[in-house]
Amino acid sequence: MNDKIAFAWDDLPEVVANYLRAHVVQDFATATRYLPEDVTVIDNGEVLEGRDETFKVFDKSANDYEVETTLISTSRPADDVWEVDTHLSGNFPGGEVDLRMLFTLASGVIQKLEITI
């Protein structure tokens, strides 16, 4: 169940795919619409509580840096968990980084998003 495969939109639940389509183009106003009000987002160790706080942090990053996101692979480590591996490049410190995005769903809704290196 945890085998990584090349990224394909059809391998993801619709809510995760919709979130990612907006996320990769840094349209966080749209992306965060796919998160519930009470979502927990962990971004490189920083805990963001709720959709509004997540939007503010992500939108600030989008205004500060130009980032290109490449979706690399997906896996499903548990029944309600989808992992998406990404590669980011841009004008942020370091210029390139590989990130893992872990989406935990409950009743078809993204309840938790964890982004780690």
PDB file of N, CA and C in Angstrom:
ATOM      1  N   MET A   1       0.815  -1.206   0.000  1.00  0.00           N
ATOM      2  CA  MET A   1       0.000   0.000   0.000  1.00  0.00           C
ATOM      3  C   MET A   1       0.856   1.266   0.000  1.00  0.00           C
ATOM      4  N   ASN A   2       2.098   1.185   0.441  1.00  0.00           N
ATOM      5  CA  ASN A   2       2.928   2.373   0.577  1.00  0.00           C
ATOM      6  C   ASN A   2       3.903   2.547  -0.569  1.00  0.00           C
ATOM      7  N   ASP A   3       3.774   1.796  -1.658  1.00  0.00           N
ATOM      8  CA  ASP A   3       4.695   1.930  -2.774  1.00  0.00           C
ATOM      9  C   ASP A   3       4.475   3.246  -3.494  1.00  0.00           C
ATOM     10  N   LYS A   4       5.586   3.953  -3.763  1.00  0.00           N
ATOM     11  CA  LYS A   4       5.491   5.227  -4.474  1.00  0.00           C
ATOM     12  C   LYS A   4       5.379   4.957  -5.963  1.00  0.00           C
ATOM     13  N   ILE A   5       4.527   5.749  -6.605  1.00  0.00           N
ATOM     14  CA  ILE A   5       4.369   5.645  -8.048  1.00  0.00           C
ATOM     15  C   ILE A   5       4.513   7.035  -8.647  1.00  0.00           C
ATOM     16  N   ALA A   6       4.816   7.094  -9.927  1.00  0.00           N
ATOM     17  CA  ALA A   6       4.940   8.384 -10.602  1.00  0.00           C
ATOM     18  C   ALA A   6       3.651   9.179 -10.416  1.00  0.00           C
ATOM     19  N   PHE A   7       3.790  10.479 -10.283  1.00  0.00           N
ATOM     20  CA  PHE A   7       2.635  11.321 -10.012  1.00  0.00           C
ATOM     21  C   PHE A   7       1.605  11.216 -11.130  1.00  0.00           C
ATOM     22  N   ALA A   8       0.350  11.042 -10.720  1.00  0.00           N
ATOM     23  CA  ALA A   8      -0.782  11.049 -11.654  1.00  0.00           C
ATOM     24  C   ALA A   8      -1.983  11.624 -10.915  1.00  0.00           C
ATOM     25  N   TRP A   9      -2.619  12.620 -11.518  1.00  0.00           N
ATOM     26  CA  TRP A   9      -3.766  13.271 -10.889  1.00  0.00           C
ATOM     27  C   TRP A   9      -4.840  12.275 -10.486  1.00  0.00           C
ATOM     28  N   ASP A  10      -5.065  11.265 -11.327  1.00  0.00           N
ATOM     29  CA  ASP A  10      -6.149  10.309 -11.090  1.00  0.00           C
ATOM     30  C   ASP A  10      -5.919   9.414  -9.875  1.00  0.00           C
ATOM     31  N   ASP A  11      -4.697   9.399  -9.345  1.00  0.00           N
ATOM     32  CA  ASP A  11      -4.402   8.573  -8.173  1.00  0.00           C
ATOM     33  C   ASP A  11      -4.829   9.237  -6.869  1.00  0.00           C
ATOM     34  N   LEU A  12      -5.270  10.490  -6.940  1.00  0.00           N
ATOM     35  CA  LEU A  12      -5.597  11.257  -5.737  1.00  0.00           C
ATOM     36  C   LEU A  12      -7.100  11.453  -5.585  1.00  0.00           C
ATOM     37  N   PRO A  13      -7.570  11.572  -4.353  1.00  0.00           N
ATOM     38  CA  PRO A  13      -8.965  11.969  -4.159  1.00  0.00           C
ATOM     39  C   PRO A  13      -9.181  13.362  -4.749  1.00  0.00           C
ATOM     40  N   GLU A  14     -10.377  13.628  -5.194  1.00  0.00           N
ATOM     41  CA  GLU A  14     -10.677  14.893  -5.868  1.00  0.00           C
ATOM     42  C   GLU A  14     -10.292  16.108  -5.026  1.00  0.00           C
ATOM     43  N   VAL A  15     -10.565  16.084  -3.729  1.00  0.00           N
ATOM     44  CA  VAL A  15     -10.268  17.240  -2.887  1.00  0.00           C
ATOM     45  C   VAL A  15      -8.756  17.511  -2.821  1.00  0.00           C
ATOM     46  N   VAL A  16      -7.949  16.457  -2.790  1.00  0.00           N
ATOM     47  CA  VAL A  16      -6.493  16.621  -2.768  1.00  0.00           C
ATOM     48  C   VAL A  16      -6.008  17.141  -4.122  1.00  0.00           C
ATOM     49  N   ALA A  17      -6.519  16.583  -5.197  1.00  0.00           N
ATOM     50  CA  ALA A  17      -6.141  17.040  -6.536  1.00  0.00           C
ATOM     51  C   ALA A  17      -6.510  18.511  -6.730  1.00  0.00           C
ATOM     52  N   ASN A  18      -7.707  18.898  -6.313  1.00  0.00           N
ATOM     53  CA  ASN A  18      -8.130  20.297  -6.459  1.00  0.00           C
ATOM     54  C   ASN A  18      -7.234  21.219  -5.641  1.00  0.00           C
ATOM     55  N   TYR A  19      -6.916  20.811  -4.414  1.00  0.00           N
ATOM     56  CA  TYR A  19      -6.015  21.607  -3.581  1.00  0.00           C
ATOM     57  C   TYR A  19      -4.664  21.774  -4.287  1.00  0.00           C
ATOM     58  N   LEU A  20      -4.108  20.682  -4.777  1.00  0.00           N
ATOM     59  CA  LEU A  20      -2.785  20.728  -5.403  1.00  0.00           C
ATOM     60  C   LEU A  20      -2.761  21.548  -6.688  1.00  0.00           C
ATOM     61  N   ARG A  21      -3.821  21.466  -7.481  1.00  0.00           N
ATOM     62  CA  ARG A  21      -3.850  22.248  -8.723  1.00  0.00           C
ATOM     63  C   ARG A  21      -3.678  23.738  -8.418  1.00  0.00           C
ATOM     64  N   ALA A  22      -4.289  24.215  -7.355  1.00  0.00           N
ATOM     65  CA  ALA A  22      -4.151  25.617  -6.973  1.00  0.00           C
ATOM     66  C   ALA A  22      -2.822  25.873  -6.271  1.00  0.00           C
ATOM     67  N   HIS A  23      -2.391  24.937  -5.435  1.00  0.00           N
ATOM     68  CA  HIS A  23      -1.153  25.099  -4.677  1.00  0.00           C
ATOM     69  C   HIS A  23       0.058  25.251  -5.600  1.00  0.00           C
ATOM     70  N   VAL A  24       0.137  24.421  -6.632  1.00  0.00           N
ATOM     71  CA  VAL A  24       1.330  24.447  -7.490  1.00  0.00           C
ATOM     72  C   VAL A  24       1.479  25.750  -8.264  1.00  0.00           C
ATOM     73  N   VAL A  25       0.397  26.491  -8.451  1.00  0.00           N
ATOM     74  CA  VAL A  25       0.497  27.792  -9.126  1.00  0.00           C
ATOM     75  C   VAL A  25       0.433  28.929  -8.111  1.00  0.00           C
ATOM     76  N   GLN A  26       0.591  28.594  -6.832  1.00  0.00           N
ATOM     77  CA  GLN A  26       0.600  29.537  -5.723  1.00  0.00           C
ATOM     78  C   GLN A  26      -0.679  30.366  -5.622  1.00  0.00           C
ATOM     79  N   ASP A  27      -1.799  29.761  -5.990  1.00  0.00           N
ATOM     80  CA  ASP A  27      -3.108  30.395  -5.821  1.00  0.00           C
ATOM     81  C   ASP A  27      -3.688  29.896  -4.507  1.00  0.00           C
ATOM     82  N   PHE A  28      -3.185  30.452  -3.403  1.00  0.00           N
ATOM     83  CA  PHE A  28      -3.558  29.942  -2.092  1.00  0.00           C
ATOM     84  C   PHE A  28      -4.961  30.364  -1.676  1.00  0.00           C
ATOM     85  N   ALA A  29      -5.508  31.411  -2.267  1.00  0.00           N
ATOM     86  CA  ALA A  29      -6.906  31.768  -1.990  1.00  0.00           C
ATOM     87  C   ALA A  29      -7.811  30.627  -2.444  1.00  0.00           C
ATOM     88  N   THR A  30      -7.508  30.049  -3.603  1.00  0.00           N
ATOM     89  CA  THR A  30      -8.285  28.912  -4.094  1.00  0.00           C
ATOM     90  C   THR A  30      -7.919  27.639  -3.338  1.00  0.00           C
ATOM     91  N   ALA A  31      -6.638  27.387  -3.164  1.00  0.00           N
ATOM     92  CA  ALA A  31      -6.189  26.152  -2.511  1.00  0.00           C
ATOM     93  C   ALA A  31      -6.813  25.993  -1.126  1.00  0.00           C
ATOM     94  N   THR A  32      -6.801  27.060  -0.345  1.00  0.00           N
ATOM     95  CA  THR A  32      -7.294  26.939   1.031  1.00  0.00           C
ATOM     96  C   THR A  32      -8.812  26.772   1.099  1.00  0.00           C
ATOM     97  N   ARG A  33      -9.523  27.022   0.011  1.00  0.00           N
ATOM     98  CA  ARG A  33     -10.963  26.734  -0.006  1.00  0.00           C
ATOM     99  C   ARG A  33     -11.236  25.245   0.136  1.00  0.00           C
ATOM    100  N   TYR A  34     -10.240  24.428  -0.205  1.00  0.00           N
ATOM    101  CA  TYR A  34     -10.396  22.975  -0.097  1.00  0.00           C
ATOM    102  C   TYR A  34     -10.012  22.453   1.282  1.00  0.00           C
ATOM    103  N   LEU A  35      -9.691  23.359   2.204  1.00  0.00           N
ATOM    104  CA  LEU A  35      -9.374  22.995   3.580  1.00  0.00           C
ATOM    105  C   LEU A  35     -10.529  23.418   4.481  1.00  0.00           C
ATOM    106  N   PRO A  36     -10.870  22.619   5.479  1.00  0.00           N
ATOM    107  CA  PRO A  36     -11.928  23.035   6.402  1.00  0.00           C
ATOM    108  C   PRO A  36     -11.424  24.153   7.313  1.00  0.00           C
ATOM    109  N   GLU A  37     -12.357  24.863   7.914  1.00  0.00           N
ATOM    110  CA  GLU A  37     -12.013  25.972   8.826  1.00  0.00           C
ATOM    111  C   GLU A  37     -11.049  25.530   9.918  1.00  0.00           C
ATOM    112  N   ASP A  38     -11.220  24.290  10.421  1.00  0.00           N
ATOM    113  CA  ASP A  38     -10.442  23.822  11.569  1.00  0.00           C
ATOM    114  C   ASP A  38      -9.261  22.926  11.181  1.00  0.00           C
ATOM    115  N   VAL A  39      -8.789  23.032   9.949  1.00  0.00           N
ATOM    116  CA  VAL A  39      -7.668  22.213   9.487  1.00  0.00           C
ATOM    117  C   VAL A  39      -6.420  22.474  10.332  1.00  0.00           C
ATOM    118  N   THR A  40      -5.606  21.440  10.473  1.00  0.00           N
ATOM    119  CA  THR A  40      -4.285  21.590  11.067  1.00  0.00           C
ATOM    120  C   THR A  40      -3.264  21.399   9.956  1.00  0.00           C
ATOM    121  N   VAL A  41      -2.402  22.393   9.787  1.00  0.00           N
ATOM    122  CA  VAL A  41      -1.343  22.320   8.794  1.00  0.00           C
ATOM    123  C   VAL A  41      -0.014  22.434   9.534  1.00  0.00           C
ATOM    124  N   ILE A  42       0.866  21.487   9.263  1.00  0.00           N
ATOM    125  CA  ILE A  42       2.211  21.533   9.827  1.00  0.00           C
ATOM    126  C   ILE A  42       3.153  21.773   8.653  1.00  0.00           C
ATOM    127  N   ASP A  43       3.772  22.944   8.649  1.00  0.00           N
ATOM    128  CA  ASP A  43       4.640  23.349   7.550  1.00  0.00           C
ATOM    129  C   ASP A  43       6.063  23.440   8.085  1.00  0.00           C
ATOM    130  N   ASN A  44       6.855  22.402   7.802  1.00  0.00           N
ATOM    131  CA  ASN A  44       8.247  22.334   8.239  1.00  0.00           C
ATOM    132  C   ASN A  44       8.364  22.573   9.750  1.00  0.00           C
ATOM    133  N   GLY A  45       7.491  21.936  10.520  1.00  0.00           N
ATOM    134  CA  GLY A  45       7.535  22.018  11.968  1.00  0.00           C
ATOM    135  C   GLY A  45       6.670  23.101  12.578  1.00  0.00           C
ATOM    136  N   GLU A  46       6.252  24.089  11.793  1.00  0.00           N
ATOM    137  CA  GLU A  46       5.388  25.161  12.300  1.00  0.00           C
ATOM    138  C   GLU A  46       3.928  24.723  12.190  1.00  0.00           C
ATOM    139  N   VAL A  47       3.214  24.757  13.310  1.00  0.00           N
ATOM    140  CA  VAL A  47       1.813  24.340  13.325  1.00  0.00           C
ATOM    141  C   VAL A  47       0.934  25.546  13.019  1.00  0.00           C
ATOM    142  N   LEU A  48       0.133  25.415  11.970  1.00  0.00           N
ATOM    143  CA  LEU A  48      -0.815  26.451  11.570  1.00  0.00           C
ATOM    144  C   LEU A  48      -2.203  25.928  11.901  1.00  0.00           C
ATOM    145  N   GLU A  49      -2.941  26.671  12.706  1.00  0.00           N
ATOM    146  CA  GLU A  49      -4.277  26.240  13.119  1.00  0.00           C
ATOM    147  C   GLU A  49      -5.338  26.961  12.296  1.00  0.00           C
ATOM    148  N   GLY A  50      -6.033  26.214  11.469  1.00  0.00           N
ATOM    149  CA  GLY A  50      -7.155  26.760  10.721  1.00  0.00           C
ATOM    150  C   GLY A  50      -6.801  27.260   9.331  1.00  0.00           C
ATOM    151  N   ARG A  51      -7.853  27.385   8.549  1.00  0.00           N
ATOM    152  CA  ARG A  51      -7.735  27.811   7.154  1.00  0.00           C
ATOM    153  C   ARG A  51      -7.194  29.234   7.029  1.00  0.00           C
ATOM    154  N   ASP A  52      -7.673  30.161   7.864  1.00  0.00           N
ATOM    155  CA  ASP A  52      -7.254  31.560   7.742  1.00  0.00           C
ATOM    156  C   ASP A  52      -5.771  31.731   8.016  1.00  0.00           C
ATOM    157  N   GLU A  53      -5.271  31.116   9.084  1.00  0.00           N
ATOM    158  CA  GLU A  53      -3.842  31.223   9.395  1.00  0.00           C
ATOM    159  C   GLU A  53      -2.997  30.575   8.296  1.00  0.00           C
ATOM    160  N   THR A  54      -3.453  29.451   7.787  1.00  0.00           N
ATOM    161  CA  THR A  54      -2.735  28.774   6.708  1.00  0.00           C
ATOM    162  C   THR A  54      -2.659  29.673   5.484  1.00  0.00           C
ATOM    163  N   PHE A  55      -3.780  30.287   5.108  1.00  0.00           N
ATOM    164  CA  PHE A  55      -3.781  31.187   3.954  1.00  0.00           C
ATOM    165  C   PHE A  55      -2.785  32.332   4.160  1.00  0.00           C
ATOM    166  N   LYS A  56      -2.797  32.958   5.324  1.00  0.00           N
ATOM    167  CA  LYS A  56      -1.906  34.096   5.575  1.00  0.00           C
ATOM    168  C   LYS A  56      -0.442  33.712   5.421  1.00  0.00           C
ATOM    169  N   VAL A  57      -0.047  32.584   5.993  1.00  0.00           N
ATOM    170  CA  VAL A  57       1.351  32.148   5.919  1.00  0.00           C
ATOM    171  C   VAL A  57       1.721  31.775   4.487  1.00  0.00           C
ATOM    172  N   PHE A  58       0.884  30.995   3.817  1.00  0.00           N
ATOM    173  CA  PHE A  58       1.186  30.569   2.454  1.00  0.00           C
ATOM    174  C   PHE A  58       1.169  31.748   1.484  1.00  0.00           C
ATOM    175  N   ASP A  59       0.212  32.668   1.648  1.00  0.00           N
ATOM    176  CA  ASP A  59       0.117  33.816   0.756  1.00  0.00           C
ATOM    177  C   ASP A  59       1.320  34.745   0.922  1.00  0.00           C
ATOM    178  N   LYS A  60       1.791  34.922   2.153  1.00  0.00           N
ATOM    179  CA  LYS A  60       2.982  35.737   2.381  1.00  0.00           C
ATOM    180  C   LYS A  60       4.179  35.129   1.662  1.00  0.00           C
ATOM    181  N   SER A  61       4.329  33.818   1.754  1.00  0.00           N
ATOM    182  CA  SER A  61       5.411  33.120   1.072  1.00  0.00           C
ATOM    183  C   SER A  61       5.314  33.332  -0.445  1.00  0.00           C
ATOM    184  N   ALA A  62       4.099  33.245  -0.983  1.00  0.00           N
ATOM    185  CA  ALA A  62       3.899  33.438  -2.423  1.00  0.00           C
ATOM    186  C   ALA A  62       4.252  34.858  -2.849  1.00  0.00           C
ATOM    187  N   ASN A  63       4.006  35.833  -1.961  1.00  0.00           N
ATOM    188  CA  ASN A  63       4.354  37.216  -2.282  1.00  0.00           C
ATOM    189  C   ASN A  63       5.846  37.474  -2.144  1.00  0.00           C
ATOM    190  N   ASP A  64       6.517  36.726  -1.267  1.00  0.00           N
ATOM    191  CA  ASP A  64       7.946  36.921  -1.026  1.00  0.00           C
ATOM    192  C   ASP A  64       8.827  36.189  -2.028  1.00  0.00           C
ATOM    193  N   TYR A  65       8.363  35.055  -2.560  1.00  0.00           N
ATOM    194  CA  TYR A  65       9.215  34.200  -3.393  1.00  0.00           C
ATOM    195  C   TYR A  65       8.485  33.726  -4.641  1.00  0.00           C
ATOM    196  N   GLU A  66       9.264  33.570  -5.709  1.00  0.00           N
ATOM    197  CA  GLU A  66       8.759  32.917  -6.913  1.00  0.00           C
ATOM    198  C   GLU A  66       9.178  31.457  -6.818  1.00  0.00           C
ATOM    199  N   VAL A  67       8.194  30.557  -6.898  1.00  0.00           N
ATOM    200  CA  VAL A  67       8.459  29.137  -6.701  1.00  0.00           C
ATOM    201  C   VAL A  67       7.823  28.342  -7.832  1.00  0.00           C
ATOM    202  N   GLU A  68       8.579  27.385  -8.344  1.00  0.00           N
ATOM    203  CA  GLU A  68       8.030  26.431  -9.302  1.00  0.00           C
ATOM    204  C   GLU A  68       7.961  25.079  -8.604  1.00  0.00           C
ATOM    205  N   THR A  69       6.786  24.473  -8.613  1.00  0.00           N
ATOM    206  CA  THR A  69       6.563  23.192  -7.942  1.00  0.00           C
ATOM    207  C   THR A  69       6.385  22.097  -8.985  1.00  0.00           C
ATOM    208  N   THR A  70       7.161  21.030  -8.838  1.00  0.00           N
ATOM    209  CA  THR A  70       7.027  19.849  -9.685  1.00  0.00           C
ATOM    210  C   THR A  70       6.522  18.708  -8.818  1.00  0.00           C
ATOM    211  N   LEU A  71       5.438  18.087  -9.229  1.00  0.00           N
ATOM    212  CA  LEU A  71       4.866  16.956  -8.500  1.00  0.00           C
ATOM    213  C   LEU A  71       5.567  15.689  -8.993  1.00  0.00           C
ATOM    214  N   ILE A  72       6.195  14.962  -8.062  1.00  0.00           N
ATOM    215  CA  ILE A  72       7.070  13.848  -8.424  1.00  0.00           C
ATOM    216  C   ILE A  72       6.379  12.490  -8.328  1.00  0.00           C
ATOM    217  N   SER A  73       5.805  12.199  -7.158  1.00  0.00           N
ATOM    218  CA  SER A  73       5.239  10.860  -6.951  1.00  0.00           C
ATOM    219  C   SER A  73       4.132  10.914  -5.911  1.00  0.00           C
ATOM    220  N   THR A  74       3.379   9.820  -5.860  1.00  0.00           N
ATOM    221  CA  THR A  74       2.324   9.679  -4.852  1.00  0.00           C
ATOM    222  C   THR A  74       2.444   8.301  -4.209  1.00  0.00           C
ATOM    223  N   SER A  75       1.912   8.220  -3.016  1.00  0.00           N
ATOM    224  CA  SER A  75       1.756   6.930  -2.359  1.00  0.00           C
ATOM    225  C   SER A  75       0.592   7.057  -1.385  1.00  0.00           C
ATOM    226  N   ARG A  76       0.188   5.933  -0.868  1.00  0.00           N
ATOM    227  CA  ARG A  76      -0.936   5.918   0.070  1.00  0.00           C
ATOM    228  C   ARG A  76      -0.527   5.089   1.282  1.00  0.00           C
ATOM    229  N   PRO A  77       0.130   5.724   2.259  1.00  0.00           N
ATOM    230  CA  PRO A  77       0.638   4.980   3.407  1.00  0.00           C
ATOM    231  C   PRO A  77      -0.431   4.429   4.347  1.00  0.00           C
ATOM    232  N   ALA A  78      -1.644   4.928   4.277  1.00  0.00           N
ATOM    233  CA  ALA A  78      -2.755   4.422   5.094  1.00  0.00           C
ATOM    234  C   ALA A  78      -4.057   4.676   4.344  1.00  0.00           C
ATOM    235  N   ASP A  79      -5.145   4.090   4.820  1.00  0.00           N
ATOM    236  CA  ASP A  79      -6.421   4.191   4.119  1.00  0.00           C
ATOM    237  C   ASP A  79      -6.843   5.624   3.819  1.00  0.00           C
ATOM    238  N   ASP A  80      -6.693   6.527   4.772  1.00  0.00           N
ATOM    239  CA  ASP A  80      -7.145   7.906   4.595  1.00  0.00           C
ATOM    240  C   ASP A  80      -5.988   8.894   4.477  1.00  0.00           C
ATOM    241  N   VAL A  81      -4.813   8.396   4.065  1.00  0.00           N
ATOM    242  CA  VAL A  81      -3.623   9.244   3.964  1.00  0.00           C
ATOM    243  C   VAL A  81      -3.011   9.110   2.575  1.00  0.00           C
ATOM    244  N   TRP A  82      -2.744  10.258   1.957  1.00  0.00           N
ATOM    245  CA  TRP A  82      -2.078  10.303   0.664  1.00  0.00           C
ATOM    246  C   TRP A  82      -0.812  11.137   0.801  1.00  0.00           C
ATOM    247  N   GLU A  83       0.265  10.631   0.236  1.00  0.00           N
ATOM    248  CA  GLU A  83       1.551  11.328   0.257  1.00  0.00           C
ATOM    249  C   GLU A  83       1.882  11.776  -1.158  1.00  0.00           C
ATOM    250  N   VAL A  84       2.321  13.037  -1.272  1.00  0.00           N
ATOM    251  CA  VAL A  84       2.739  13.575  -2.559  1.00  0.00           C
ATOM    252  C   VAL A  84       4.143  14.140  -2.371  1.00  0.00           C
ATOM    253  N   ASP A  85       5.083  13.635  -3.153  1.00  0.00           N
ATOM    254  CA  ASP A  85       6.448  14.143  -3.114  1.00  0.00           C
ATOM    255  C   ASP A  85       6.593  15.208  -4.191  1.00  0.00           C
ATOM    256  N   THR A  86       7.211  16.330  -3.798  1.00  0.00           N
ATOM    257  CA  THR A  86       7.347  17.470  -4.700  1.00  0.00           C
ATOM    258  C   THR A  86       8.786  17.966  -4.728  1.00  0.00           C
ATOM    259  N   HIS A  87       9.105  18.698  -5.780  1.00  0.00           N
ATOM    260  CA  HIS A  87      10.386  19.391  -5.881  1.00  0.00           C
ATOM    261  C   HIS A  87      10.078  20.865  -6.120  1.00  0.00           C
ATOM    262  N   LEU A  88      10.658  21.718  -5.286  1.00  0.00           N
ATOM    263  CA  LEU A  88      10.473  23.165  -5.428  1.00  0.00           C
ATOM    264  C   LEU A  88      11.785  23.798  -5.859  1.00  0.00           C
ATOM    265  N   SER A  89      11.686  24.744  -6.761  1.00  0.00           N
ATOM    266  CA  SER A  89      12.834  25.555  -7.140  1.00  0.00           C
ATOM    267  C   SER A  89      12.358  26.996  -7.243  1.00  0.00           C
ATOM    268  N   GLY A  90      13.255  27.920  -6.937  1.00  0.00           N
ATOM    269  CA  GLY A  90      12.865  29.327  -6.998  1.00  0.00           C
ATOM    270  C   GLY A  90      13.881  30.223  -6.326  1.00  0.00           C
ATOM    271  N   ASN A  91      13.440  31.434  -5.994  1.00  0.00           N
ATOM    272  CA  ASN A  91      14.341  32.432  -5.429  1.00  0.00           C
ATOM    273  C   ASN A  91      14.274  32.491  -3.904  1.00  0.00           C
ATOM    274  N   PHE A  92      13.892  31.396  -3.263  1.00  0.00           N
ATOM    275  CA  PHE A  92      13.875  31.305  -1.808  1.00  0.00           C
ATOM    276  C   PHE A  92      15.273  30.864  -1.340  1.00  0.00           C
ATOM    277  N   PRO A  93      15.581  31.043  -0.056  1.00  0.00           N
ATOM    278  CA  PRO A  93      16.897  30.630   0.440  1.00  0.00           C
ATOM    279  C   PRO A  93      17.169  29.153   0.126  1.00  0.00           C
ATOM    280  N   GLY A  94      18.299  28.883  -0.480  1.00  0.00           N
ATOM    281  CA  GLY A  94      18.661  27.525  -0.879  1.00  0.00           C
ATOM    282  C   GLY A  94      18.305  27.221  -2.320  1.00  0.00           C
ATOM    283  N   GLY A  95      17.245  27.827  -2.833  1.00  0.00           N
ATOM    284  CA  GLY A  95      16.893  27.728  -4.246  1.00  0.00           C
ATOM    285  C   GLY A  95      16.221  26.444  -4.700  1.00  0.00           C
ATOM    286  N   GLU A  96      16.421  25.322  -3.985  1.00  0.00           N
ATOM    287  CA  GLU A  96      15.788  24.056  -4.355  1.00  0.00           C
ATOM    288  C   GLU A  96      15.564  23.223  -3.110  1.00  0.00           C
ATOM    289  N   VAL A  97      14.465  22.490  -3.098  1.00  0.00           N
ATOM    290  CA  VAL A  97      14.176  21.600  -1.974  1.00  0.00           C
ATOM    291  C   VAL A  97      13.155  20.551  -2.407  1.00  0.00           C
ATOM    292  N   ASP A  98      13.306  19.357  -1.866  1.00  0.00           N
ATOM    293  CA  ASP A  98      12.308  18.303  -2.052  1.00  0.00           C
ATOM    294  C   ASP A  98      11.426  18.282  -0.817  1.00  0.00           C
ATOM    295  N   LEU A  99      10.125  18.287  -1.026  1.00  0.00           N
ATOM    296  CA  LEU A  99       9.171  18.286   0.080  1.00  0.00           C
ATOM    297  C   LEU A  99       8.232  17.098  -0.030  1.00  0.00           C
ATOM    298  N   ARG A 100       7.757  16.671   1.122  1.00  0.00           N
ATOM    299  CA  ARG A 100       6.753  15.618   1.215  1.00  0.00           C
ATOM    300  C   ARG A 100       5.489  16.264   1.776  1.00  0.00           C
ATOM    301  N   MET A 101       4.388  16.099   1.086  1.00  0.00           N
ATOM    302  CA  MET A 101       3.098  16.605   1.547  1.00  0.00           C
ATOM    303  C   MET A 101       2.245  15.400   1.912  1.00  0.00           C
ATOM    304  N   LEU A 102       1.811  15.366   3.159  1.00  0.00           N
ATOM    305  CA  LEU A 102       1.020  14.253   3.664  1.00  0.00           C
ATOM    306  C   LEU A 102      -0.386  14.761   3.976  1.00  0.00           C
ATOM    307  N   PHE A 103      -1.370  14.276   3.228  1.00  0.00           N
ATOM    308  CA  PHE A 103      -2.759  14.684   3.376  1.00  0.00           C
ATOM    309  C   PHE A 103      -3.507  13.604   4.146  1.00  0.00           C
ATOM    310  N   THR A 104      -4.114  13.974   5.272  1.00  0.00           N
ATOM    311  CA  THR A 104      -4.955  13.060   6.031  1.00  0.00           C
ATOM    312  C   THR A 104      -6.404  13.503   5.856  1.00  0.00           C
ATOM    313  N   LEU A 105      -7.231  12.597   5.356  1.00  0.00           N
ATOM    314  CA  LEU A 105      -8.637  12.911   5.112  1.00  0.00           C
ATOM    315  C   LEU A 105      -9.529  12.278   6.168  1.00  0.00           C
ATOM    316  N   ALA A 106     -10.619  12.943   6.455  1.00  0.00           N
ATOM    317  CA  ALA A 106     -11.667  12.401   7.309  1.00  0.00           C
ATOM    318  C   ALA A 106     -12.988  12.791   6.662  1.00  0.00           C
ATOM    319  N   SER A 107     -13.817  11.825   6.385  1.00  0.00           N
ATOM    320  CA  SER A 107     -15.109  12.055   5.711  1.00  0.00           C
ATOM    321  C   SER A 107     -14.934  12.845   4.422  1.00  0.00           C
ATOM    322  N   GLY A 108     -13.877  12.543   3.664  1.00  0.00           N
ATOM    323  CA  GLY A 108     -13.645  13.184   2.377  1.00  0.00           C
ATOM    324  C   GLY A 108     -13.096  14.596   2.453  1.00  0.00           C
ATOM    325  N   VAL A 109     -12.693  15.046   3.647  1.00  0.00           N
ATOM    326  CA  VAL A 109     -12.189  16.406   3.849  1.00  0.00           C
ATOM    327  C   VAL A 109     -10.739  16.323   4.329  1.00  0.00           C
ATOM    328  N   ILE A 110      -9.896  17.251   3.870  1.00  0.00           N
ATOM    329  CA  ILE A 110      -8.508  17.302   4.329  1.00  0.00           C
ATOM    330  C   ILE A 110      -8.503  17.830   5.760  1.00  0.00           C
ATOM    331  N   GLN A 111      -8.298  16.950   6.726  1.00  0.00           N
ATOM    332  CA  GLN A 111      -8.275  17.372   8.130  1.00  0.00           C
ATOM    333  C   GLN A 111      -6.883  17.815   8.571  1.00  0.00           C
ATOM    334  N   LYS A 112      -5.865  17.256   7.907  1.00  0.00           N
ATOM    335  CA  LYS A 112      -4.498  17.590   8.293  1.00  0.00           C
ATOM    336  C   LYS A 112      -3.620  17.553   7.057  1.00  0.00           C
ATOM    337  N   LEU A 113      -2.727  18.525   6.959  1.00  0.00           N
ATOM    338  CA  LEU A 113      -1.729  18.576   5.903  1.00  0.00           C
ATOM    339  C   LEU A 113      -0.391  18.797   6.570  1.00  0.00           C
ATOM    340  N   GLU A 114       0.526  17.866   6.339  1.00  0.00           N
ATOM    341  CA  GLU A 114       1.859  17.981   6.904  1.00  0.00           C
ATOM    342  C   GLU A 114       2.863  18.104   5.765  1.00  0.00           C
ATOM    343  N   ILE A 115       3.654  19.167   5.793  1.00  0.00           N
ATOM    344  CA  ILE A 115       4.653  19.430   4.765  1.00  0.00           C
ATOM    345  C   ILE A 115       6.019  19.355   5.432  1.00  0.00           C
ATOM    346  N   THR A 116       6.854  18.424   4.969  1.00  0.00           N
ATOM    347  CA  THR A 116       8.173  18.231   5.564  1.00  0.00           C
ATOM    348  C   THR A 116       9.235  18.085   4.474  1.00  0.00           C
ATOM    349  N   ILE A 117      10.467  18.271   4.903  1.00  0.00           N
ATOM    350  CA  ILE A 117      11.606  18.089   3.989  1.00  0.00           C
ATOM    351  C   ILE A 117      11.975  16.629   3.971  1.00  0.00           C
TER     352      ILE A 117
END
